[in-house]
Protein backbone atom coordinates (compact mmCIF):
# COMPACT_ATOMS: atom_id res chain seq x y z
CA ILE A 1 -5.77 -3.94 6.18
CA ARG A 2 -8.16 -3.43 9.07
CA THR A 3 -7.77 0.01 10.63
CA PHE A 4 -10.05 2.75 11.86
CA ASN A 5 -7.34 5.39 11.24
CA LYS A 6 -7.54 6.03 7.51
CA ASP A 7 -5.19 9.02 7.92
CA ILE A 8 -2.39 6.45 7.77
CA LEU A 9 -2.51 6.98 4.01
CA LEU A 10 -1.34 10.57 4.52
CA ASP A 11 1.80 9.52 6.42
CA GLU A 12 4.89 10.48 4.41
CA ARG A 13 6.38 6.99 4.82
CA VAL A 14 3.34 5.37 3.20
CA VAL A 15 3.32 7.95 0.41
CA GLN A 16 7.04 7.34 -0.15
CA VAL A 17 6.81 3.55 -0.30
CA VAL A 18 3.79 3.69 -2.66
CA ASN A 19 5.64 6.12 -4.93
CA GLU A 20 8.73 3.88 -4.88
CA VAL A 21 6.66 0.90 -6.01
CA LYS A 22 4.94 2.98 -8.71
CA ASN A 23 8.32 4.21 -9.99
CA THR A 24 9.70 0.66 -10.01
CA LEU A 25 6.72 -0.71 -11.95
CA LYS A 26 6.34 2.25 -14.33
CA ASP A 27 4.06 1.00 -17.15
CA ASN A 28 4.45 -2.67 -16.18
CA GLY A 29 1.93 -2.64 -13.35
CA LYS A 30 -0.57 -0.67 -11.30
CA VAL A 31 -0.77 0.39 -7.67
CA LEU A 32 -3.90 1.51 -5.85
CA VAL A 33 -3.94 2.21 -2.11
CA ARG A 34 -7.13 3.71 -0.73
CA ALA A 35 -9.38 3.87 2.28
CA SER A 36 -12.60 1.89 2.03
CA GLY A 37 -15.69 4.03 1.97
CA THR A 38 -17.85 1.47 3.75
CA GLU A 39 -15.57 -0.47 6.10
CA PRO A 40 -12.70 0.31 8.51
CA LEU A 41 -10.15 -0.86 5.95
CA VAL A 42 -7.29 0.35 3.83
CA ARG A 43 -7.35 -1.49 0.52
CA VAL A 44 -4.12 -2.26 -1.36
CA THR A 45 -4.44 -3.39 -4.97
CA LEU A 46 -1.46 -4.26 -7.18
CA SER A 47 -0.92 -5.71 -10.61
CA CYS A 48 2.50 -6.84 -11.82
CA GLU A 49 3.99 -9.03 -14.51
CA THR A 50 4.98 -11.83 -12.11
CA GLN A 51 3.66 -13.22 -8.86
CA ILE A 52 7.10 -12.85 -7.27
CA GLU A 53 7.12 -9.13 -8.07
CA LEU A 54 3.58 -8.73 -6.80
CA ASP A 55 4.37 -10.47 -3.50
CA LYS A 56 7.50 -8.36 -2.97
CA HIS A 57 5.77 -5.03 -3.63
CA MET A 58 2.61 -5.96 -1.72
CA ASP A 59 4.67 -6.97 1.31
CA LYS A 60 6.60 -3.69 1.17
CA ILE A 61 3.42 -1.56 1.18
CA VAL A 62 1.44 -3.66 3.67
CA SER A 63 4.39 -3.89 6.07
CA MET A 64 4.78 -0.11 6.14
CA ILE A 65 1.05 0.46 6.74
CA ASN A 66 1.03 -2.15 9.52
CA LEU A 67 4.12 -0.61 11.12
CA ILE A 68 2.49 2.82 11.22
CA LYS A 69 -0.80 1.33 12.41
CA GLU A 70 1.02 -0.11 15.43
CA GLU A 71 2.51 3.29 16.26
CA VAL A 72 -0.87 4.99 16.47
């Protein structure tokens, strides 16, 4: 997600949605959301058992980050 404001990751809404996805997946997937060290990007990486699950969780996280990005 292209953004120059990497502090978005500290927003409580982003933290909450990431934690929700992690709690839903438990040991059946992985979630990594981090600021790029070399580009103005926030990187979202997910692994899940099914593509449908992955799409649902990815959309949830990306939508929240984009929503907050628009507010700033």
